[in-house]
Structure formats: structure tokens, C-alpha cells
Amino acid sequence: MQNKLFNNENTNNKAFIVGKIKGEARKTHQIEGEWFYELFAEVERRSQVPDLIPVTIPERLVESKDIDLADGNLLAVKGEFRSYNRQEEEKSKLILYFFAKDTMNEEEREEFASDRDNVNQITLTGFICDKPIYRKTPFGREICDALVAVNRGKFNRSDYLPCIFWGRNAQYISKQQVGTKLHIEGRIQSREYTKCFDDGRKEVRTAYEISCRSVKAERDSSSTSIDIEPMQAM
């Protein structure tokens, strides 16, 4: 991923999205005296079925950049894809969200908003922290899921991000060991699924993950990589 948005940055987690605000932006919580807004951004993709991505924005960024968080307005932000654990019914649930650190300028918005392939990008450097799960779809498409731990730098903590790989990349990742360092390029993806309960109830839920189009693995002093064409939206 080579573009000016990521020039002169030195971080393991770099992302940007361009989309429309969907629904109401809510001021939800305060950390060390600073308030944060939470909202959803509707980001287009090839299939014309948009990704609906949860976004957290610091109030200081909203005020300093004069961002209008009204429903339907364009949102063009740069930041990181993060995670935290939330306790729900005596279980720990992994919560994923886009954390906005800056906005795009007018030139950047015009350049990227006009191209569906360019409105949702992320690069990560992290480590496989659980055994990858390889499977095939009913149509024979190869998929591999891996949980990747990404260091948040000065915060002395990690974000745990579900990543999904396709085709040859799925085969490749399925053979990697826990602890392998990965360099990933892809996009943030949302998808709905149905949760079935023992009492017969069903509930539609939304999962978030990184849909990876290229990956490079490092182990000790050696490294190898494979790139495949960007996947079609599922």
C-alpha cells in the first residue's frame, strides 16, 4: 500500500476510511477529562453492500477540525483499528472499533472518495497469537482465520484483531506458527451472521475483521511473502 496518507508514519497499525455517517453520533464516555463520540460509518465496497464500521472520535478532534457529525455527512478519517474486552453475562467479548486520530484534508478526500477500492485501507504489523483455523466454503473457496496481536506502542498494550485470509494466502497462513510476525495489507470488513441459541432463538449479529489481500511473514532472520489480487467482497 503506497500512498501519501501513510508517509512519514512509524506505527504498527495504520488505517483510513471514507464513508457516510449512519445514524446519530453519541458522546459516550470520558477518559482523563476528554470526551469521546461513537458512531457508525457506512463505507462502500465493490459489491455495493457497504461495510458499517464503528468509529470512536475524540471530542478535541471534532472541535479542532470542525467536523459535522450529522447523519449522512461524509467522514474521512485516519487512525487505527483497535480492540478491547468487555464483560457481558460473565463472558469476555472482544469489541472492535476504528479510532480516529486525524482527518483527511480536502485534496485527500476528493482523491479517495471517488474510488470504492480506495476508501477503506489498513496496514498492520503484528504476531499470530492463536493457532490459525483453515477451512473451505461449500463452494470450495479456501479461508484461514487468524487472531493477530498488534502492539499499540507507547500505551504498552496490544490490540487483538481477527484477520481473514483467502486462497493461496489462506494456505500460507495455515502453516504459520503462533508467534510468527506478519505484515498485512487489507481492509476493515463488517459482516452479519446469525447466532443460534440452545432454546431455539436466533439473533442477527455483526462481526468485524480485517480482510487481508496481501501478507508477509517473518520468522527469525528469514522472511517470505505472497501477494494476491484484492478479493471480491463477500
C-alpha atoms as a PDB file:
ATOM      1  CA  MET A   1       0.000   0.000   0.000  1.00  0.00           C
ATOM      2  CA  GLN A   2       1.859   3.053  -1.212  1.00  0.00           C
ATOM      3  CA  ASN A   3       0.148   6.396  -0.832  1.00  0.00           C
ATOM      4  CA  LYS A   4       0.862   9.732   0.743  1.00  0.00           C
ATOM      5  CA  LEU A   5      -1.561   9.190   3.616  1.00  0.00           C
ATOM      6  CA  PHE A   6       0.904   6.847   5.277  1.00  0.00           C
ATOM      7  CA  ASN A   7       4.135   8.717   4.538  1.00  0.00           C
ATOM      8  CA  ASN A   8       6.369   9.619   7.484  1.00  0.00           C
ATOM      9  CA  GLU A   9       4.446   7.414   9.915  1.00  0.00           C
ATOM     10  CA  ASN A  10       6.010   4.803  12.148  1.00  0.00           C
ATOM     11  CA  THR A  11       3.321   2.651  13.640  1.00  0.00           C
ATOM     12  CA  ASN A  12       2.156  -0.960  13.558  1.00  0.00           C
ATOM     13  CA  ASN A  13      -1.467  -0.030  12.896  1.00  0.00           C
ATOM     14  CA  LYS A  14      -2.373   2.445  10.146  1.00  0.00           C
ATOM     15  CA  ALA A  15      -5.837   2.774   8.646  1.00  0.00           C
ATOM     16  CA  PHE A  16      -8.163   5.184   6.906  1.00  0.00           C
ATOM     17  CA  ILE A  17     -11.790   5.129   5.869  1.00  0.00           C
ATOM     18  CA  VAL A  18     -14.014   7.396   3.810  1.00  0.00           C
ATOM     19  CA  GLY A  19     -17.752   6.955   4.286  1.00  0.00           C
ATOM     20  CA  LYS A  20     -21.044   8.468   5.335  1.00  0.00           C
ATOM     21  CA  ILE A  21     -22.131   8.830   8.941  1.00  0.00           C
ATOM     22  CA  LYS A  22     -25.000   6.436   9.618  1.00  0.00           C
ATOM     23  CA  GLY A  23     -27.364   7.448  12.381  1.00  0.00           C
ATOM     24  CA  GLU A  24     -26.675   9.524  15.462  1.00  0.00           C
ATOM     25  CA  ALA A  25     -23.207  10.273  16.828  1.00  0.00           C
ATOM     26  CA  ARG A  26     -23.294   9.841  20.607  1.00  0.00           C
ATOM     27  CA  LYS A  27     -20.975  11.320  23.236  1.00  0.00           C
ATOM     28  CA  THR A  28     -20.455   8.134  25.218  1.00  0.00           C
ATOM     29  CA  HIS A  29     -17.516   8.218  27.615  1.00  0.00           C
ATOM     30  CA  GLN A  30     -14.742  10.248  29.164  1.00  0.00           C
ATOM     31  CA  ILE A  31     -11.087   9.313  29.738  1.00  0.00           C
ATOM     32  CA  GLU A  32      -8.774  11.559  31.741  1.00  0.00           C
ATOM     33  CA  GLY A  33     -11.096  14.507  31.244  1.00  0.00           C
ATOM     34  CA  GLU A  34     -11.553  14.042  27.492  1.00  0.00           C
ATOM     35  CA  TRP A  35     -14.888  13.101  25.933  1.00  0.00           C
ATOM     36  CA  PHE A  36     -15.308  10.707  23.006  1.00  0.00           C
ATOM     37  CA  TYR A  37     -18.010  10.279  20.372  1.00  0.00           C
ATOM     38  CA  GLU A  38     -19.122   6.935  18.961  1.00  0.00           C
ATOM     39  CA  LEU A  39     -20.826   6.482  15.595  1.00  0.00           C
ATOM     40  CA  PHE A  40     -21.074   4.209  12.565  1.00  0.00           C
ATOM     41  CA  ALA A  41     -19.547   4.984   9.168  1.00  0.00           C
ATOM     42  CA  GLU A  42     -21.040   3.408   6.057  1.00  0.00           C
ATOM     43  CA  VAL A  43     -18.145   2.658   3.707  1.00  0.00           C
ATOM     44  CA  GLU A  44     -18.745   1.497   0.128  1.00  0.00           C
ATOM     45  CA  ARG A  45     -17.206  -1.577  -1.434  1.00  0.00           C
ATOM     46  CA  ARG A  46     -17.270  -3.320  -4.805  1.00  0.00           C
ATOM     47  CA  SER A  47     -20.331  -5.429  -4.109  1.00  0.00           C
ATOM     48  CA  GLN A  48     -22.283  -2.228  -3.325  1.00  0.00           C
ATOM     49  CA  VAL A  49     -23.128  -3.791   0.042  1.00  0.00           C
ATOM     50  CA  PRO A  50     -21.377  -1.318   2.360  1.00  0.00           C
ATOM     51  CA  ASP A  51     -19.328  -2.065   5.430  1.00  0.00           C
ATOM     52  CA  LEU A  52     -20.761  -0.485   8.577  1.00  0.00           C
ATOM     53  CA  ILE A  53     -17.759   0.350  10.742  1.00  0.00           C
ATOM     54  CA  PRO A  54     -17.900   1.537  14.378  1.00  0.00           C
ATOM     55  CA  VAL A  55     -15.838   4.695  14.882  1.00  0.00           C
ATOM     56  CA  THR A  56     -14.647   6.461  18.034  1.00  0.00           C
ATOM     57  CA  ILE A  57     -13.619  10.122  17.700  1.00  0.00           C
ATOM     58  CA  PRO A  58     -12.071  12.331  20.403  1.00  0.00           C
ATOM     59  CA  GLU A  59     -14.057  15.498  21.076  1.00  0.00           C
ATOM     60  CA  ARG A  60     -10.885  17.603  20.668  1.00  0.00           C
ATOM     61  CA  LEU A  61     -10.518  16.311  17.085  1.00  0.00           C
ATOM     62  CA  VAL A  62     -14.161  17.124  16.300  1.00  0.00           C
ATOM     63  CA  GLU A  63     -13.756  20.646  17.624  1.00  0.00           C
ATOM     64  CA  SER A  64     -10.291  21.411  16.224  1.00  0.00           C
ATOM     65  CA  LYS A  65     -11.196  20.199  12.718  1.00  0.00           C
ATOM     66  CA  ASP A  66     -14.798  21.469  12.876  1.00  0.00           C
ATOM     67  CA  ILE A  67     -16.252  18.059  11.977  1.00  0.00           C
ATOM     68  CA  ASP A  68     -20.018  17.955  11.497  1.00  0.00           C
ATOM     69  CA  LEU A  69     -21.172  14.584  12.861  1.00  0.00           C
ATOM     70  CA  ALA A  70     -24.716  14.821  11.474  1.00  0.00           C
ATOM     71  CA  ASP A  71     -26.329  11.744   9.920  1.00  0.00           C
ATOM     72  CA  GLY A  72     -25.424  11.402   6.219  1.00  0.00           C
ATOM     73  CA  ASN A  73     -22.357  13.653   6.281  1.00  0.00           C
ATOM     74  CA  LEU A  74     -19.076  12.494   4.757  1.00  0.00           C
ATOM     75  CA  LEU A  75     -16.484  11.266   7.248  1.00  0.00           C
ATOM     76  CA  ALA A  76     -12.860  10.898   6.107  1.00  0.00           C
ATOM     77  CA  VAL A  77     -10.529   9.895   8.927  1.00  0.00           C
ATOM     78  CA  LYS A  78      -7.121   8.339   9.557  1.00  0.00           C
ATOM     79  CA  GLY A  79      -6.288   6.288  12.605  1.00  0.00           C
ATOM     80  CA  GLU A  80      -6.081   2.742  13.959  1.00  0.00           C
ATOM     81  CA  PHE A  81      -8.293  -0.330  14.230  1.00  0.00           C
ATOM     82  CA  ARG A  82      -8.393  -1.233  17.920  1.00  0.00           C
ATOM     83  CA  SER A  83      -9.894  -3.734  20.342  1.00  0.00           C
ATOM     84  CA  TYR A  84     -10.810  -4.123  23.999  1.00  0.00           C
ATOM     85  CA  ASN A  85     -12.502  -6.763  26.115  1.00  0.00           C
ATOM     86  CA  ARG A  86     -15.959  -6.105  27.579  1.00  0.00           C
ATOM     87  CA  GLN A  87     -17.656  -8.299  30.146  1.00  0.00           C
ATOM     88  CA  GLU A  88     -21.110  -9.484  29.051  1.00  0.00           C
ATOM     89  CA  GLU A  89     -23.071 -12.038  31.072  1.00  0.00           C
ATOM     90  CA  GLU A  90     -19.941 -13.338  32.802  1.00  0.00           C
ATOM     91  CA  LYS A  91     -18.155 -13.706  29.471  1.00  0.00           C
ATOM     92  CA  SER A  92     -15.474 -11.554  27.882  1.00  0.00           C
ATOM     93  CA  LYS A  93     -16.377 -10.189  24.441  1.00  0.00           C
ATOM     94  CA  LEU A  94     -13.828  -8.702  22.046  1.00  0.00           C
ATOM     95  CA  ILE A  95     -15.005  -5.267  20.904  1.00  0.00           C
ATOM     96  CA  LEU A  96     -13.506  -3.846  17.703  1.00  0.00           C
ATOM     97  CA  TYR A  97     -13.615  -0.240  16.515  1.00  0.00           C
ATOM     98  CA  PHE A  98     -11.860   2.354  14.352  1.00  0.00           C
ATOM     99  CA  PHE A  99     -10.124   5.012  16.460  1.00  0.00           C
ATOM    100  CA  ALA A 100      -9.866   8.330  14.574  1.00  0.00           C
ATOM    101  CA  LYS A 101      -6.608  10.218  15.141  1.00  0.00           C
ATOM    102  CA  ASP A 102      -6.840  12.777  12.329  1.00  0.00           C
ATOM    103  CA  THR A 103      -8.954  13.829   9.349  1.00  0.00           C
ATOM    104  CA  MET A 104      -8.137  13.904   5.669  1.00  0.00           C
ATOM    105  CA  ASN A 105      -7.704  17.285   4.052  1.00  0.00           C
ATOM    106  CA  GLU A 106      -9.908  18.365   1.149  1.00  0.00           C
ATOM    107  CA  GLU A 107      -7.475  17.144  -1.517  1.00  0.00           C
ATOM    108  CA  GLU A 108      -7.211  13.696   0.097  1.00  0.00           C
ATOM    109  CA  ARG A 109     -10.994  13.385   0.466  1.00  0.00           C
ATOM    110  CA  GLU A 110     -11.575  14.149  -3.209  1.00  0.00           C
ATOM    111  CA  GLU A 111      -8.871  11.718  -4.282  1.00  0.00           C
ATOM    112  CA  PHE A 112     -10.021   8.739  -2.246  1.00  0.00           C
ATOM    113  CA  ALA A 113     -13.797   9.212  -2.028  1.00  0.00           C
ATOM    114  CA  SER A 114     -14.161   8.726  -5.789  1.00  0.00           C
ATOM    115  CA  ASP A 115     -12.772   5.159  -5.795  1.00  0.00           C
ATOM    116  CA  ARG A 116     -14.521   2.286  -3.937  1.00  0.00           C
ATOM    117  CA  ASP A 117     -11.246   0.353  -3.827  1.00  0.00           C
ATOM    118  CA  ASN A 118      -9.521   3.243  -2.084  1.00  0.00           C
ATOM    119  CA  VAL A 119     -11.916   4.253   0.701  1.00  0.00           C
ATOM    120  CA  ASN A 120     -11.004   1.566   3.222  1.00  0.00           C
ATOM    121  CA  GLN A 121      -7.390   0.546   3.761  1.00  0.00           C
ATOM    122  CA  ILE A 122      -5.309  -0.767   6.636  1.00  0.00           C
ATOM    123  CA  THR A 123      -1.723  -1.937   7.183  1.00  0.00           C
ATOM    124  CA  LEU A 124      -0.737  -3.939  10.257  1.00  0.00           C
ATOM    125  CA  THR A 125       2.396  -5.404  11.787  1.00  0.00           C
ATOM    126  CA  GLY A 126       1.681  -7.951  14.489  1.00  0.00           C
ATOM    127  CA  PHE A 127       2.050 -11.512  15.733  1.00  0.00           C
ATOM    128  CA  ILE A 128      -0.137 -14.590  15.371  1.00  0.00           C
ATOM    129  CA  CYS A 129      -1.408 -15.227  18.899  1.00  0.00           C
ATOM    130  CA  ASP A 130      -3.599 -18.305  18.357  1.00  0.00           C
ATOM    131  CA  LYS A 131      -3.472 -21.296  16.028  1.00  0.00           C
ATOM    132  CA  PRO A 132      -4.800 -20.293  12.553  1.00  0.00           C
ATOM    133  CA  ILE A 133      -8.041 -22.010  11.520  1.00  0.00           C
ATOM    134  CA  TYR A 134      -8.159 -23.245   7.924  1.00  0.00           C
ATOM    135  CA  ARG A 135     -11.394 -24.255   6.197  1.00  0.00           C
ATOM    136  CA  LYS A 136     -13.200 -24.324   2.870  1.00  0.00           C
ATOM    137  CA  THR A 137     -16.563 -22.812   1.956  1.00  0.00           C
ATOM    138  CA  PRO A 138     -19.318 -25.012   0.477  1.00  0.00           C
ATOM    139  CA  PHE A 139     -18.154 -23.678  -2.903  1.00  0.00           C
ATOM    140  CA  GLY A 140     -14.571 -24.783  -2.277  1.00  0.00           C
ATOM    141  CA  ARG A 141     -13.042 -21.407  -1.510  1.00  0.00           C
ATOM    142  CA  GLU A 142     -10.107 -21.585   0.893  1.00  0.00           C
ATOM    143  CA  ILE A 143     -10.242 -19.421   4.033  1.00  0.00           C
ATOM    144  CA  CYS A 144      -7.984 -19.092   7.037  1.00  0.00           C
ATOM    145  CA  ASP A 145      -8.772 -17.118  10.210  1.00  0.00           C
ATOM    146  CA  ALA A 146      -6.000 -15.836  12.456  1.00  0.00           C
ATOM    147  CA  LEU A 147      -6.012 -13.627  15.538  1.00  0.00           C
ATOM    148  CA  VAL A 148      -3.176 -11.082  15.302  1.00  0.00           C
ATOM    149  CA  ALA A 149      -1.791  -9.126  18.257  1.00  0.00           C
ATOM    150  CA  VAL A 150      -0.706  -5.599  17.285  1.00  0.00           C
ATOM    151  CA  ASN A 151       1.388  -3.551  19.702  1.00  0.00           C
ATOM    152  CA  ARG A 152      -0.059  -0.101  20.429  1.00  0.00           C
ATOM    153  CA  GLY A 153       3.368   1.409  21.085  1.00  0.00           C
ATOM    154  CA  LYS A 154       3.599   3.940  23.901  1.00  0.00           C
ATOM    155  CA  PHE A 155       0.413   2.601  25.539  1.00  0.00           C
ATOM    156  CA  ASN A 156       2.216  -0.665  26.416  1.00  0.00           C
ATOM    157  CA  ARG A 157      -0.683  -2.834  25.332  1.00  0.00           C
ATOM    158  CA  SER A 158      -1.836  -4.797  22.294  1.00  0.00           C
ATOM    159  CA  ASP A 159      -4.922  -4.853  20.108  1.00  0.00           C
ATOM    160  CA  TYR A 160      -6.191  -8.319  19.170  1.00  0.00           C
ATOM    161  CA  LEU A 161      -7.539  -8.214  15.623  1.00  0.00           C
ATOM    162  CA  PRO A 162      -9.316 -11.056  13.768  1.00  0.00           C
ATOM    163  CA  CYS A 163      -7.867 -11.405  10.277  1.00  0.00           C
ATOM    164  CA  ILE A 164      -9.239 -13.456   7.398  1.00  0.00           C
ATOM    165  CA  PHE A 165      -7.108 -14.732   4.511  1.00  0.00           C
ATOM    166  CA  TRP A 166      -8.195 -16.156   1.163  1.00  0.00           C
ATOM    167  CA  GLY A 167      -6.916 -18.590  -1.477  1.00  0.00           C
ATOM    168  CA  ARG A 168      -3.138 -19.050  -1.542  1.00  0.00           C
ATOM    169  CA  ASN A 169      -2.752 -16.681   1.396  1.00  0.00           C
ATOM    170  CA  ALA A 170      -5.103 -18.935   3.407  1.00  0.00           C
ATOM    171  CA  GLN A 171      -2.881 -21.954   2.692  1.00  0.00           C
ATOM    172  CA  TYR A 172       0.203 -19.945   3.572  1.00  0.00           C
ATOM    173  CA  ILE A 173      -1.080 -18.627   6.906  1.00  0.00           C
ATOM    174  CA  SER A 174      -2.460 -22.038   7.918  1.00  0.00           C
ATOM    175  CA  LYS A 175       1.142 -23.315   8.015  1.00  0.00           C
ATOM    176  CA  GLN A 176       2.471 -20.489  10.203  1.00  0.00           C
ATOM    177  CA  GLN A 177       3.178 -20.936  13.894  1.00  0.00           C
ATOM    178  CA  VAL A 178       1.896 -18.961  16.863  1.00  0.00           C
ATOM    179  CA  GLY A 179       4.329 -16.094  17.397  1.00  0.00           C
ATOM    180  CA  THR A 180       5.052 -15.537  13.703  1.00  0.00           C
ATOM    181  CA  LYS A 181       5.392 -11.858  12.829  1.00  0.00           C
ATOM    182  CA  LEU A 182       3.118 -10.689  10.000  1.00  0.00           C
ATOM    183  CA  HIS A 183       2.935  -7.598   7.810  1.00  0.00           C
ATOM    184  CA  ILE A 184      -0.616  -7.285   6.471  1.00  0.00           C
ATOM    185  CA  GLU A 185      -2.461  -5.088   3.980  1.00  0.00           C
ATOM    186  CA  GLY A 186      -6.213  -5.177   3.578  1.00  0.00           C
ATOM    187  CA  ARG A 187      -9.467  -3.523   4.585  1.00  0.00           C
ATOM    188  CA  ILE A 188     -11.785  -3.421   7.575  1.00  0.00           C
ATOM    189  CA  GLN A 189     -14.814  -5.609   6.929  1.00  0.00           C
ATOM    190  CA  SER A 190     -18.215  -5.986   8.584  1.00  0.00           C
ATOM    191  CA  ARG A 191     -20.494  -8.968   8.045  1.00  0.00           C
ATOM    192  CA  GLU A 192     -23.739 -10.173   9.536  1.00  0.00           C
ATOM    193  CA  TYR A 193     -24.220 -13.669  10.899  1.00  0.00           C
ATOM    194  CA  THR A 194     -26.976 -15.497  12.767  1.00  0.00           C
ATOM    195  CA  LYS A 195     -26.333 -16.669  16.322  1.00  0.00           C
ATOM    196  CA  CYS A 196     -28.369 -19.755  17.250  1.00  0.00           C
ATOM    197  CA  PHE A 197     -29.166 -20.438  20.906  1.00  0.00           C
ATOM    198  CA  ASP A 198     -29.929 -23.756  22.628  1.00  0.00           C
ATOM    199  CA  ASP A 199     -33.533 -22.687  23.273  1.00  0.00           C
ATOM    200  CA  GLY A 200     -34.145 -22.199  19.542  1.00  0.00           C
ATOM    201  CA  ARG A 201     -33.776 -18.423  19.486  1.00  0.00           C
ATOM    202  CA  LYS A 202     -31.856 -16.781  16.678  1.00  0.00           C
ATOM    203  CA  GLU A 203     -30.182 -13.390  16.719  1.00  0.00           C
ATOM    204  CA  VAL A 204     -28.560 -11.476  13.869  1.00  0.00           C
ATOM    205  CA  ARG A 205     -25.188 -10.072  14.907  1.00  0.00           C
ATOM    206  CA  THR A 206     -22.343  -8.198  13.219  1.00  0.00           C
ATOM    207  CA  ALA A 207     -18.722  -9.321  13.140  1.00  0.00           C
ATOM    208  CA  TYR A 208     -15.734  -7.143  12.272  1.00  0.00           C
ATOM    209  CA  GLU A 209     -12.438  -8.362  10.881  1.00  0.00           C
ATOM    210  CA  ILE A 210      -9.519  -7.474   8.622  1.00  0.00           C
ATOM    211  CA  SER A 211      -9.981  -8.881   5.117  1.00  0.00           C
ATOM    212  CA  CYS A 212      -6.353  -9.373   4.053  1.00  0.00           C
ATOM    213  CA  ARG A 213      -5.274  -9.026   0.443  1.00  0.00           C
ATOM    214  CA  SER A 214      -1.527  -9.445   0.996  1.00  0.00           C
ATOM    215  CA  VAL A 215       0.678 -10.772   3.772  1.00  0.00           C
ATOM    216  CA  LYS A 216       4.364 -11.112   4.547  1.00  0.00           C
ATOM    217  CA  ALA A 217       5.583 -13.366   7.349  1.00  0.00           C
ATOM    218  CA  GLU A 218       8.878 -13.080   9.223  1.00  0.00           C
ATOM    219  CA  ARG A 219      10.460 -15.708  11.390  1.00  0.00           C
ATOM    220  CA  ASP A 220      13.933 -15.181  12.809  1.00  0.00           C
ATOM    221  CA  SER A 221      16.149 -13.662  10.103  1.00  0.00           C
ATOM    222  CA  SER A 222      14.236 -15.128   7.154  1.00  0.00           C
ATOM    223  CA  SER A 223      11.069 -13.811   5.569  1.00  0.00           C
ATOM    224  CA  THR A 224       8.754 -14.781   2.769  1.00  0.00           C
ATOM    225  CA  SER A 225       5.648 -13.317   1.207  1.00  0.00           C
ATOM    226  CA  ILE A 226       2.840 -13.840  -1.239  1.00  0.00           C
ATOM    227  CA  ASP A 227       0.530 -11.263  -2.758  1.00  0.00           C
ATOM    228  CA  ILE A 228      -2.804 -11.997  -4.412  1.00  0.00           C
ATOM    229  CA  GLU A 229      -5.293  -9.764  -6.123  1.00  0.00           C
ATOM    230  CA  PRO A 230      -7.810  -7.943  -3.867  1.00  0.00           C
ATOM    231  CA  MET A 231     -10.702 -10.256  -3.003  1.00  0.00           C
ATOM    232  CA  GLN A 232     -14.210  -9.648  -4.168  1.00  0.00           C
ATOM    233  CA  ALA A 233     -16.485  -8.596  -1.330  1.00  0.00           C
ATOM    234  CA  MET A 234     -18.328 -11.455   0.327  1.00  0.00           C
END
